[in-house]
Each structure stands twice: as C-alpha cells, then as structure tokens.
Amino acid sequence: REPKNWEFLIRLLVNPLANPKIIRWEDKEQATFRLVHPEVITQLWNARSTKPNVTYKNFARGLRYHYTTGALVSVSERQFVYGCGPKALEFLDKLGGNMAVL
C-alpha cells in the first residue's frame, strides 16, 4: 500500500536531509512538529503519490482527517504545526526515532 500522508511526514522528520530544512520538531517533549515549507512537502508528496496534483490545502485536509484515526493530534492556534498521536509515535518508534531517546 502507499504510505499515508502522516507516515510520509514522520519519515521526513527522521531524515536529516529534510529536518530541519523543510520540517522540524517544534517541541520534542510534546511530540509536535512544524511544516517549515509546506509547499515543498506537498511537491515531494506529489512526486511519490499516485495522485500527483494535490495542493497543500488538500494535503492538509488529509492530515486533519487523521486526527480521528489517532495518528495526529490538533495543535490549536498554531499554523502548520501538528502533534503526533499514538499511531505516529508507534510508527516513529519502529523507524528508530523513539521519542524517549530524542
């Protein structure tokens, strides 16, 4: 299956070529991160996606959907900032980026 958009973001967070240039941890203890260049992230997503013409607006809508799945949590009043939910923290741990170690 194709990765979910939140999985794509977690992979970018653990990639030193992407973090902190286009995405970065906002607060590691709270497991929140910021999309520094959301337009670049959307372009990278389009390059690997089967739906190559996704706008940032549509990409963000997809991210907000994952508030209900437990992958992401809302960070109120912070533009381009998202929080890792239980699913994202588990995925991060599988990638070797355990928040306890970070």
PDB file of N, CA and C in Angstrom:
ATOM      1  N   ARG A   1       0.827  -1.189   0.000  1.00  0.00           N
ATOM      2  CA  ARG A   1       0.000   0.000   0.000  1.00  0.00           C
ATOM      3  C   ARG A   1       0.868   1.248   0.000  1.00  0.00           C
ATOM      4  N   GLU A   2       0.307   2.300  -0.476  1.00  0.00           N
ATOM      5  CA  GLU A   2       1.003   3.583  -0.471  1.00  0.00           C
ATOM      6  C   GLU A   2       1.022   4.139   0.954  1.00  0.00           C
ATOM      7  N   PRO A   3       2.112   4.770   1.378  1.00  0.00           N
ATOM      8  CA  PRO A   3       2.145   5.325   2.735  1.00  0.00           C
ATOM      9  C   PRO A   3       1.080   6.404   2.919  1.00  0.00           C
ATOM     10  N   LYS A   4       0.612   6.533   4.127  1.00  0.00           N
ATOM     11  CA  LYS A   4      -0.314   7.609   4.482  1.00  0.00           C
ATOM     12  C   LYS A   4       0.481   8.912   4.542  1.00  0.00           C
ATOM     13  N   ASN A   5      -0.218  10.031   4.381  1.00  0.00           N
ATOM     14  CA  ASN A   5       0.498  11.309   4.393  1.00  0.00           C
ATOM     15  C   ASN A   5       1.175  11.582   5.740  1.00  0.00           C
ATOM     16  N   TRP A   6       0.587  11.120   6.835  1.00  0.00           N
ATOM     17  CA  TRP A   6       1.233  11.331   8.138  1.00  0.00           C
ATOM     18  C   TRP A   6       2.486  10.466   8.267  1.00  0.00           C
ATOM     19  N   GLU A   7       2.477   9.266   7.683  1.00  0.00           N
ATOM     20  CA  GLU A   7       3.679   8.417   7.697  1.00  0.00           C
ATOM     21  C   GLU A   7       4.792   9.085   6.898  1.00  0.00           C
ATOM     22  N   PHE A   8       4.428   9.696   5.793  1.00  0.00           N
ATOM     23  CA  PHE A   8       5.377  10.429   4.964  1.00  0.00           C
ATOM     24  C   PHE A   8       6.039  11.546   5.784  1.00  0.00           C
ATOM     25  N   LEU A   9       5.236  12.272   6.567  1.00  0.00           N
ATOM     26  CA  LEU A   9       5.786  13.351   7.395  1.00  0.00           C
ATOM     27  C   LEU A   9       6.719  12.819   8.480  1.00  0.00           C
ATOM     28  N   ILE A  10       6.363  11.706   9.095  1.00  0.00           N
ATOM     29  CA  ILE A  10       7.224  11.126  10.132  1.00  0.00           C
ATOM     30  C   ILE A  10       8.554  10.693   9.524  1.00  0.00           C
ATOM     31  N   ARG A  11       8.498  10.121   8.326  1.00  0.00           N
ATOM     32  CA  ARG A  11       9.748   9.746   7.644  1.00  0.00           C
ATOM     33  C   ARG A  11      10.606  10.977   7.358  1.00  0.00           C
ATOM     34  N   LEU A  12       9.974  12.080   6.974  1.00  0.00           N
ATOM     35  CA  LEU A  12      10.729  13.318   6.758  1.00  0.00           C
ATOM     36  C   LEU A  12      11.352  13.819   8.060  1.00  0.00           C
ATOM     37  N   LEU A  13      10.633  13.683   9.160  1.00  0.00           N
ATOM     38  CA  LEU A  13      11.155  14.141  10.454  1.00  0.00           C
ATOM     39  C   LEU A  13      12.422  13.403  10.866  1.00  0.00           C
ATOM     40  N   VAL A  14      12.530  12.133  10.524  1.00  0.00           N
ATOM     41  CA  VAL A  14      13.722  11.369  10.913  1.00  0.00           C
ATOM     42  C   VAL A  14      14.812  11.425   9.845  1.00  0.00           C
ATOM     43  N   ASN A  15      14.550  12.132   8.749  1.00  0.00           N
ATOM     44  CA  ASN A  15      15.513  12.251   7.663  1.00  0.00           C
ATOM     45  C   ASN A  15      16.325  13.535   7.847  1.00  0.00           C
ATOM     46  N   PRO A  16      17.643  13.425   8.068  1.00  0.00           N
ATOM     47  CA  PRO A  16      18.451  14.628   8.297  1.00  0.00           C
ATOM     48  C   PRO A  16      18.530  15.555   7.081  1.00  0.00           C
ATOM     49  N   LEU A  17      18.179  15.059   5.898  1.00  0.00           N
ATOM     50  CA  LEU A  17      18.155  15.935   4.725  1.00  0.00           C
ATOM     51  C   LEU A  17      16.910  16.828   4.721  1.00  0.00           C
ATOM     52  N   ALA A  18      15.865  16.400   5.409  1.00  0.00           N
ATOM     53  CA  ALA A  18      14.614  17.169   5.458  1.00  0.00           C
ATOM     54  C   ALA A  18      14.458  17.954   6.755  1.00  0.00           C
ATOM     55  N   ASN A  19      14.927  17.399   7.855  1.00  0.00           N
ATOM     56  CA  ASN A  19      14.785  18.021   9.168  1.00  0.00           C
ATOM     57  C   ASN A  19      16.104  18.698   9.528  1.00  0.00           C
ATOM     58  N   PRO A  20      16.188  19.982   9.704  1.00  0.00           N
ATOM     59  CA  PRO A  20      15.140  20.978   9.919  1.00  0.00           C
ATOM     60  C   PRO A  20      14.828  21.866   8.715  1.00  0.00           C
ATOM     61  N   LYS A  21      15.285  21.511   7.524  1.00  0.00           N
ATOM     62  CA  LYS A  21      15.111  22.413   6.380  1.00  0.00           C
ATOM     63  C   LYS A  21      13.658  22.610   5.970  1.00  0.00           C
ATOM     64  N   ILE A  22      12.896  21.509   5.847  1.00  0.00           N
ATOM     65  CA  ILE A  22      11.510  21.655   5.388  1.00  0.00           C
ATOM     66  C   ILE A  22      10.485  21.238   6.440  1.00  0.00           C
ATOM     67  N   ILE A  23      10.923  20.491   7.438  1.00  0.00           N
ATOM     68  CA  ILE A  23      10.065  20.070   8.544  1.00  0.00           C
ATOM     69  C   ILE A  23      10.956  19.986   9.779  1.00  0.00           C
ATOM     70  N   ARG A  24      10.425  20.337  10.939  1.00  0.00           N
ATOM     71  CA  ARG A  24      11.269  20.276  12.142  1.00  0.00           C
ATOM     72  C   ARG A  24      10.404  20.031  13.370  1.00  0.00           C
ATOM     73  N   TRP A  25      11.063  19.540  14.398  1.00  0.00           N
ATOM     74  CA  TRP A  25      10.375  19.368  15.671  1.00  0.00           C
ATOM     75  C   TRP A  25      10.119  20.745  16.251  1.00  0.00           C
ATOM     76  N   GLU A  26       8.915  20.998  16.643  1.00  0.00           N
ATOM     77  CA  GLU A  26       8.553  22.232  17.330  1.00  0.00           C
ATOM     78  C   GLU A  26       8.816  22.054  18.823  1.00  0.00           C
ATOM     79  N   ASP A  27       8.408  20.909  19.357  1.00  0.00           N
ATOM     80  CA  ASP A  27       8.619  20.570  20.762  1.00  0.00           C
ATOM     81  C   ASP A  27       8.690  19.045  20.860  1.00  0.00           C
ATOM     82  N   LYS A  28       9.887  18.521  21.006  1.00  0.00           N
ATOM     83  CA  LYS A  28      10.054  17.057  21.037  1.00  0.00           C
ATOM     84  C   LYS A  28       9.334  16.422  22.212  1.00  0.00           C
ATOM     85  N   GLU A  29       9.353  17.079  23.363  1.00  0.00           N
ATOM     86  CA  GLU A  29       8.686  16.511  24.543  1.00  0.00           C
ATOM     87  C   GLU A  29       7.183  16.391  24.338  1.00  0.00           C
ATOM     88  N   GLN A  30       6.600  17.345  23.627  1.00  0.00           N
ATOM     89  CA  GLN A  30       5.164  17.312  23.335  1.00  0.00           C
ATOM     90  C   GLN A  30       4.871  16.584  22.024  1.00  0.00           C
ATOM     91  N   ALA A  31       5.921  16.156  21.327  1.00  0.00           N
ATOM     92  CA  ALA A  31       5.812  15.455  20.038  1.00  0.00           C
ATOM     93  C   ALA A  31       5.053  16.287  19.010  1.00  0.00           C
ATOM     94  N   THR A  32       5.380  17.582  18.952  1.00  0.00           N
ATOM     95  CA  THR A  32       4.784  18.450  17.942  1.00  0.00           C
ATOM     96  C   THR A  32       5.841  18.839  16.924  1.00  0.00           C
ATOM     97  N   PHE A  33       5.394  18.989  15.694  1.00  0.00           N
ATOM     98  CA  PHE A  33       6.317  19.342  14.623  1.00  0.00           C
ATOM     99  C   PHE A  33       5.699  20.409  13.732  1.00  0.00           C
ATOM    100  N   ARG A  34       6.575  21.133  13.032  1.00  0.00           N
ATOM    101  CA  ARG A  34       6.154  22.228  12.153  1.00  0.00           C
ATOM    102  C   ARG A  34       6.556  21.915  10.714  1.00  0.00           C
ATOM    103  N   LEU A  35       5.639  22.209   9.814  1.00  0.00           N
ATOM    104  CA  LEU A  35       5.955  22.153   8.391  1.00  0.00           C
ATOM    105  C   LEU A  35       6.579  23.504   8.048  1.00  0.00           C
ATOM    106  N   VAL A  36       7.900  23.544   7.903  1.00  0.00           N
ATOM    107  CA  VAL A  36       8.612  24.792   7.652  1.00  0.00           C
ATOM    108  C   VAL A  36       8.296  25.294   6.245  1.00  0.00           C
ATOM    109  N   HIS A  37       8.304  24.386   5.281  1.00  0.00           N
ATOM    110  CA  HIS A  37       7.991  24.718   3.890  1.00  0.00           C
ATOM    111  C   HIS A  37       6.906  23.774   3.388  1.00  0.00           C
ATOM    112  N   PRO A  38       5.650  24.054   3.735  1.00  0.00           N
ATOM    113  CA  PRO A  38       4.570  23.140   3.361  1.00  0.00           C
ATOM    114  C   PRO A  38       4.433  22.933   1.857  1.00  0.00           C
ATOM    115  N   GLU A  39       4.756  23.966   1.072  1.00  0.00           N
ATOM    116  CA  GLU A  39       4.647  23.821  -0.381  1.00  0.00           C
ATOM    117  C   GLU A  39       5.680  22.828  -0.916  1.00  0.00           C
ATOM    118  N   VAL A  40       6.868  22.807  -0.344  1.00  0.00           N
ATOM    119  CA  VAL A  40       7.906  21.851  -0.756  1.00  0.00           C
ATOM    120  C   VAL A  40       7.502  20.439  -0.339  1.00  0.00           C
ATOM    121  N   ILE A  41       6.961  20.306   0.857  1.00  0.00           N
ATOM    122  CA  ILE A  41       6.500  19.000   1.333  1.00  0.00           C
ATOM    123  C   ILE A  41       5.411  18.461   0.415  1.00  0.00           C
ATOM    124  N   THR A  42       4.495  19.335  -0.008  1.00  0.00           N
ATOM    125  CA  THR A  42       3.430  18.911  -0.918  1.00  0.00           C
ATOM    126  C   THR A  42       4.008  18.481  -2.262  1.00  0.00           C
ATOM    127  N   GLN A  43       5.009  19.186  -2.760  1.00  0.00           N
ATOM    128  CA  GLN A  43       5.657  18.799  -4.022  1.00  0.00           C
ATOM    129  C   GLN A  43       6.320  17.432  -3.891  1.00  0.00           C
ATOM    130  N   LEU A  44       6.990  17.188  -2.770  1.00  0.00           N
ATOM    131  CA  LEU A  44       7.617  15.883  -2.547  1.00  0.00           C
ATOM    132  C   LEU A  44       6.564  14.782  -2.473  1.00  0.00           C
ATOM    133  N   TRP A  45       5.446  15.078  -1.815  1.00  0.00           N
ATOM    134  CA  TRP A  45       4.345  14.114  -1.722  1.00  0.00           C
ATOM    135  C   TRP A  45       3.793  13.811  -3.116  1.00  0.00           C
ATOM    136  N   ASN A  46       3.605  14.850  -3.921  1.00  0.00           N
ATOM    137  CA  ASN A  46       3.093  14.666  -5.278  1.00  0.00           C
ATOM    138  C   ASN A  46       4.035  13.830  -6.131  1.00  0.00           C
ATOM    139  N   ALA A  47       5.338  13.968  -5.912  1.00  0.00           N
ATOM    140  CA  ALA A  47       6.321  13.223  -6.700  1.00  0.00           C
ATOM    141  C   ALA A  47       6.245  11.723  -6.441  1.00  0.00           C
ATOM    142  N   ARG A  48       5.767  11.324  -5.276  1.00  0.00           N
ATOM    143  CA  ARG A  48       5.726   9.896  -4.950  1.00  0.00           C
ATOM    144  C   ARG A  48       4.309   9.340  -4.874  1.00  0.00           C
ATOM    145  N   SER A  49       3.327  10.206  -5.011  1.00  0.00           N
ATOM    146  CA  SER A  49       1.938   9.795  -4.859  1.00  0.00           C
ATOM    147  C   SER A  49       1.323   9.365  -6.186  1.00  0.00           C
ATOM    148  N   THR A  50       0.274   8.570  -6.094  1.00  0.00           N
ATOM    149  CA  THR A  50      -0.472   8.185  -7.298  1.00  0.00           C
ATOM    150  C   THR A  50      -1.436   9.297  -7.706  1.00  0.00           C
ATOM    151  N   LYS A  51      -1.601  10.301  -6.842  1.00  0.00           N
ATOM    152  CA  LYS A  51      -2.421  11.481  -7.146  1.00  0.00           C
ATOM    153  C   LYS A  51      -1.480  12.684  -7.207  1.00  0.00           C
ATOM    154  N   PRO A  52      -0.867  12.928  -8.362  1.00  0.00           N
ATOM    155  CA  PRO A  52       0.234  13.886  -8.437  1.00  0.00           C
ATOM    156  C   PRO A  52      -0.140  15.367  -8.411  1.00  0.00           C
ATOM    157  N   ASN A  53      -1.404  15.731  -8.342  1.00  0.00           N
ATOM    158  CA  ASN A  53      -1.764  17.151  -8.375  1.00  0.00           C
ATOM    159  C   ASN A  53      -2.442  17.625  -7.097  1.00  0.00           C
ATOM    160  N   VAL A  54      -1.993  17.130  -5.965  1.00  0.00           N
ATOM    161  CA  VAL A  54      -2.570  17.513  -4.680  1.00  0.00           C
ATOM    162  C   VAL A  54      -2.027  18.886  -4.281  1.00  0.00           C
ATOM    163  N   THR A  55      -2.917  19.779  -3.890  1.00  0.00           N
ATOM    164  CA  THR A  55      -2.500  21.092  -3.387  1.00  0.00           C
ATOM    165  C   THR A  55      -2.227  20.968  -1.889  1.00  0.00           C
ATOM    166  N   TYR A  56      -1.570  21.983  -1.311  1.00  0.00           N
ATOM    167  CA  TYR A  56      -1.341  21.933   0.131  1.00  0.00           C
ATOM    168  C   TYR A  56      -2.671  21.908   0.872  1.00  0.00           C
ATOM    169  N   LYS A  57      -3.655  22.636   0.360  1.00  0.00           N
ATOM    170  CA  LYS A  57      -4.973  22.673   1.005  1.00  0.00           C
ATOM    171  C   LYS A  57      -5.551  21.257   1.116  1.00  0.00           C
ATOM    172  N   ASN A  58      -5.459  20.485   0.049  1.00  0.00           N
ATOM    173  CA  ASN A  58      -5.962  19.106   0.073  1.00  0.00           C
ATOM    174  C   ASN A  58      -5.089  18.206   0.946  1.00  0.00           C
ATOM    175  N   PHE A  59      -3.779  18.420   0.902  1.00  0.00           N
ATOM    176  CA  PHE A  59      -2.855  17.645   1.728  1.00  0.00           C
ATOM    177  C   PHE A  59      -3.177  17.873   3.208  1.00  0.00           C
ATOM    178  N   ALA A  60      -3.393  19.138   3.583  1.00  0.00           N
ATOM    179  CA  ALA A  60      -3.712  19.476   4.974  1.00  0.00           C
ATOM    180  C   ALA A  60      -5.057  18.889   5.389  1.00  0.00           C
ATOM    181  N   ARG A  61      -6.013  18.864   4.471  1.00  0.00           N
ATOM    182  CA  ARG A  61      -7.312  18.259   4.783  1.00  0.00           C
ATOM    183  C   ARG A  61      -7.123  16.784   5.123  1.00  0.00           C
ATOM    184  N   GLY A  62      -6.267  16.116   4.347  1.00  0.00           N
ATOM    185  CA  GLY A  62      -5.958  14.710   4.625  1.00  0.00           C
ATOM    186  C   GLY A  62      -5.297  14.528   5.981  1.00  0.00           C
ATOM    187  N   LEU A  63      -4.435  15.466   6.358  1.00  0.00           N
ATOM    188  CA  LEU A  63      -3.794  15.394   7.675  1.00  0.00           C
ATOM    189  C   LEU A  63      -4.826  15.562   8.783  1.00  0.00           C
ATOM    190  N   ARG A  64      -5.739  16.502   8.606  1.00  0.00           N
ATOM    191  CA  ARG A  64      -6.766  16.735   9.633  1.00  0.00           C
ATOM    192  C   ARG A  64      -7.663  15.516   9.812  1.00  0.00           C
ATOM    193  N   TYR A  65      -7.891  14.772   8.738  1.00  0.00           N
ATOM    194  CA  TYR A  65      -8.676  13.540   8.846  1.00  0.00           C
ATOM    195  C   TYR A  65      -8.036  12.599   9.867  1.00  0.00           C
ATOM    196  N   HIS A  66      -6.714  12.579   9.906  1.00  0.00           N
ATOM    197  CA  HIS A  66      -6.008  11.645  10.783  1.00  0.00           C
ATOM    198  C   HIS A  66      -6.044  12.049  12.256  1.00  0.00           C
ATOM    199  N   TYR A  67      -6.680  13.186  12.579  1.00  0.00           N
ATOM    200  CA  TYR A  67      -6.970  13.485  13.982  1.00  0.00           C
ATOM    201  C   TYR A  67      -7.929  12.426  14.520  1.00  0.00           C
ATOM    202  N   THR A  68      -8.837  11.956  13.667  1.00  0.00           N
ATOM    203  CA  THR A  68      -9.847  10.979  14.103  1.00  0.00           C
ATOM    204  C   THR A  68      -9.309   9.555  14.148  1.00  0.00           C
ATOM    205  N   THR A  69      -8.185   9.296  13.479  1.00  0.00           N
ATOM    206  CA  THR A  69      -7.638   7.936  13.447  1.00  0.00           C
ATOM    207  C   THR A  69      -6.620   7.683  14.554  1.00  0.00           C
ATOM    208  N   GLY A  70      -6.215   8.735  15.259  1.00  0.00           N
ATOM    209  CA  GLY A  70      -5.221   8.577  16.314  1.00  0.00           C
ATOM    210  C   GLY A  70      -3.793   8.729  15.831  1.00  0.00           C
ATOM    211  N   ALA A  71      -3.622   9.096  14.560  1.00  0.00           N
ATOM    212  CA  ALA A  71      -2.272   9.278  14.040  1.00  0.00           C
ATOM    213  C   ALA A  71      -1.722  10.658  14.393  1.00  0.00           C
ATOM    214  N   LEU A  72      -2.561  11.664  14.295  1.00  0.00           N
ATOM    215  CA  LEU A  72      -2.147  13.031  14.583  1.00  0.00           C
ATOM    216  C   LEU A  72      -3.089  13.650  15.604  1.00  0.00           C
ATOM    217  N   VAL A  73      -2.597  14.676  16.281  1.00  0.00           N
ATOM    218  CA  VAL A  73      -3.447  15.435  17.197  1.00  0.00           C
ATOM    219  C   VAL A  73      -3.376  16.909  16.806  1.00  0.00           C
ATOM    220  N   SER A  74      -4.458  17.591  17.031  1.00  0.00           N
ATOM    221  CA  SER A  74      -4.562  19.003  16.693  1.00  0.00           C
ATOM    222  C   SER A  74      -3.725  19.844  17.658  1.00  0.00           C
ATOM    223  N   VAL A  75      -3.068  20.849  17.123  1.00  0.00           N
ATOM    224  CA  VAL A  75      -2.361  21.835  17.942  1.00  0.00           C
ATOM    225  C   VAL A  75      -3.072  23.158  17.683  1.00  0.00           C
ATOM    226  N   SER A  76      -3.865  23.599  18.633  1.00  0.00           N
ATOM    227  CA  SER A  76      -4.723  24.763  18.409  1.00  0.00           C
ATOM    228  C   SER A  76      -3.923  26.049  18.245  1.00  0.00           C
ATOM    229  N   GLU A  77      -4.439  26.883  17.369  1.00  0.00           N
ATOM    230  CA  GLU A  77      -3.908  28.223  17.120  1.00  0.00           C
ATOM    231  C   GLU A  77      -2.450  28.241  16.675  1.00  0.00           C
ATOM    232  N   ARG A  78      -1.991  27.191  16.026  1.00  0.00           N
ATOM    233  CA  ARG A  78      -0.612  27.139  15.519  1.00  0.00           C
ATOM    234  C   ARG A  78      -0.666  26.702  14.061  1.00  0.00           C
ATOM    235  N   GLN A  79      -0.374  27.601  13.160  1.00  0.00           N
ATOM    236  CA  GLN A  79      -0.421  27.291  11.740  1.00  0.00           C
ATOM    237  C   GLN A  79       0.760  26.404  11.353  1.00  0.00           C
ATOM    238  N   PHE A  80       0.484  25.367  10.578  1.00  0.00           N
ATOM    239  CA  PHE A  80       1.476  24.402  10.079  1.00  0.00           C
ATOM    240  C   PHE A  80       2.108  23.559  11.184  1.00  0.00           C
ATOM    241  N   VAL A  81       1.482  23.495  12.354  1.00  0.00           N
ATOM    242  CA  VAL A  81       2.003  22.697  13.465  1.00  0.00           C
ATOM    243  C   VAL A  81       1.025  21.564  13.753  1.00  0.00           C
ATOM    244  N   TYR A  82       1.571  20.356  13.878  1.00  0.00           N
ATOM    245  CA  TYR A  82       0.784  19.152  14.136  1.00  0.00           C
ATOM    246  C   TYR A  82       1.429  18.388  15.282  1.00  0.00           C
ATOM    247  N   GLY A  83       0.629  17.590  15.960  1.00  0.00           N
ATOM    248  CA  GLY A  83       1.137  16.753  17.036  1.00  0.00           C
ATOM    249  C   GLY A  83       1.052  15.287  16.658  1.00  0.00           C
ATOM    250  N   CYS A  84       1.989  14.502  17.157  1.00  0.00           N
ATOM    251  CA  CYS A  84       1.978  13.057  16.926  1.00  0.00           C
ATOM    252  C   CYS A  84       0.986  12.404  17.878  1.00  0.00           C
ATOM    253  N   GLY A  85       0.097  11.612  17.325  1.00  0.00           N
ATOM    254  CA  GLY A  85      -0.813  10.816  18.128  1.00  0.00           C
ATOM    255  C   GLY A  85      -0.178   9.464  18.422  1.00  0.00           C
ATOM    256  N   PRO A  86      -0.902   8.576  19.090  1.00  0.00           N
ATOM    257  CA  PRO A  86      -0.355   7.259  19.437  1.00  0.00           C
ATOM    258  C   PRO A  86       0.149   6.463  18.228  1.00  0.00           C
ATOM    259  N   LYS A  87      -0.583   6.505  17.120  1.00  0.00           N
ATOM    260  CA  LYS A  87      -0.154   5.766  15.925  1.00  0.00           C
ATOM    261  C   LYS A  87       1.163   6.314  15.380  1.00  0.00           C
ATOM    262  N   ALA A  88       1.282   7.628  15.339  1.00  0.00           N
ATOM    263  CA  ALA A  88       2.500   8.246  14.820  1.00  0.00           C
ATOM    264  C   ALA A  88       3.686   7.964  15.735  1.00  0.00           C
ATOM    265  N   LEU A  89       3.462   7.989  17.041  1.00  0.00           N
ATOM    266  CA  LEU A  89       4.546   7.688  17.981  1.00  0.00           C
ATOM    267  C   LEU A  89       5.004   6.241  17.838  1.00  0.00           C
ATOM    268  N   GLU A  90       4.065   5.342  17.616  1.00  0.00           N
ATOM    269  CA  GLU A  90       4.411   3.933  17.401  1.00  0.00           C
ATOM    270  C   GLU A  90       5.208   3.775  16.104  1.00  0.00           C
ATOM    271  N   PHE A  91       4.783   4.466  15.055  1.00  0.00           N
ATOM    272  CA  PHE A  91       5.484   4.417  13.772  1.00  0.00           C
ATOM    273  C   PHE A  91       6.888   5.005  13.909  1.00  0.00           C
ATOM    274  N   LEU A  92       7.006   6.101  14.629  1.00  0.00           N
ATOM    275  CA  LEU A  92       8.300   6.734  14.877  1.00  0.00           C
ATOM    276  C   LEU A  92       9.231   5.777  15.606  1.00  0.00           C
ATOM    277  N   ASP A  93       8.695   5.064  16.580  1.00  0.00           N
ATOM    278  CA  ASP A  93       9.473   4.080  17.327  1.00  0.00           C
ATOM    279  C   ASP A  93       9.972   2.971  16.402  1.00  0.00           C
ATOM    280  N   LYS A  94       9.121   2.508  15.485  1.00  0.00           N
ATOM    281  CA  LYS A  94       9.520   1.466  14.531  1.00  0.00           C
ATOM    282  C   LYS A  94      10.638   1.940  13.616  1.00  0.00           C
ATOM    283  N   LEU A  95      10.641   3.240  13.307  1.00  0.00           N
ATOM    284  CA  LEU A  95      11.684   3.794  12.449  1.00  0.00           C
ATOM    285  C   LEU A  95      12.988   4.036  13.205  1.00  0.00           C
ATOM    286  N   GLY A  96      12.948   3.869  14.510  1.00  0.00           N
ATOM    287  CA  GLY A  96      14.150   4.068  15.308  1.00  0.00           C
ATOM    288  C   GLY A  96      14.292   5.477  15.840  1.00  0.00           C
ATOM    289  N   GLY A  97      13.228   6.263  15.766  1.00  0.00           N
ATOM    290  CA  GLY A  97      13.279   7.629  16.272  1.00  0.00           C
ATOM    291  C   GLY A  97      12.493   7.768  17.548  1.00  0.00           C
ATOM    292  N   ASN A  98      12.661   6.826  18.460  1.00  0.00           N
ATOM    293  CA  ASN A  98      11.896   6.782  19.710  1.00  0.00           C
ATOM    294  C   ASN A  98      11.945   8.128  20.419  1.00  0.00           C
ATOM    295  N   MET A  99      10.775   8.665  20.762  1.00  0.00           N
ATOM    296  CA  MET A  99      10.700   9.969  21.420  1.00  0.00           C
ATOM    297  C   MET A  99      11.404   9.973  22.769  1.00  0.00           C
ATOM    298  N   ALA A 100      11.468   8.839  23.436  1.00  0.00           N
ATOM    299  CA  ALA A 100      12.147   8.774  24.729  1.00  0.00           C
ATOM    300  C   ALA A 100      13.639   9.019  24.553  1.00  0.00           C
ATOM    301  N   VAL A 101      14.177   8.628  23.420  1.00  0.00           N
ATOM    302  CA  VAL A 101      15.597   8.799  23.135  1.00  0.00           C
ATOM    303  C   VAL A 101      15.878  10.202  22.622  1.00  0.00           C
ATOM    304  N   LEU A 102      14.926  10.761  21.870  1.00  0.00           N
ATOM    305  CA  LEU A 102      15.123  12.092  21.313  1.00  0.00           C
ATOM    306  C   LEU A 102      15.083  13.101  22.430  1.00  0.00           C
TER     307      LEU A 102
END
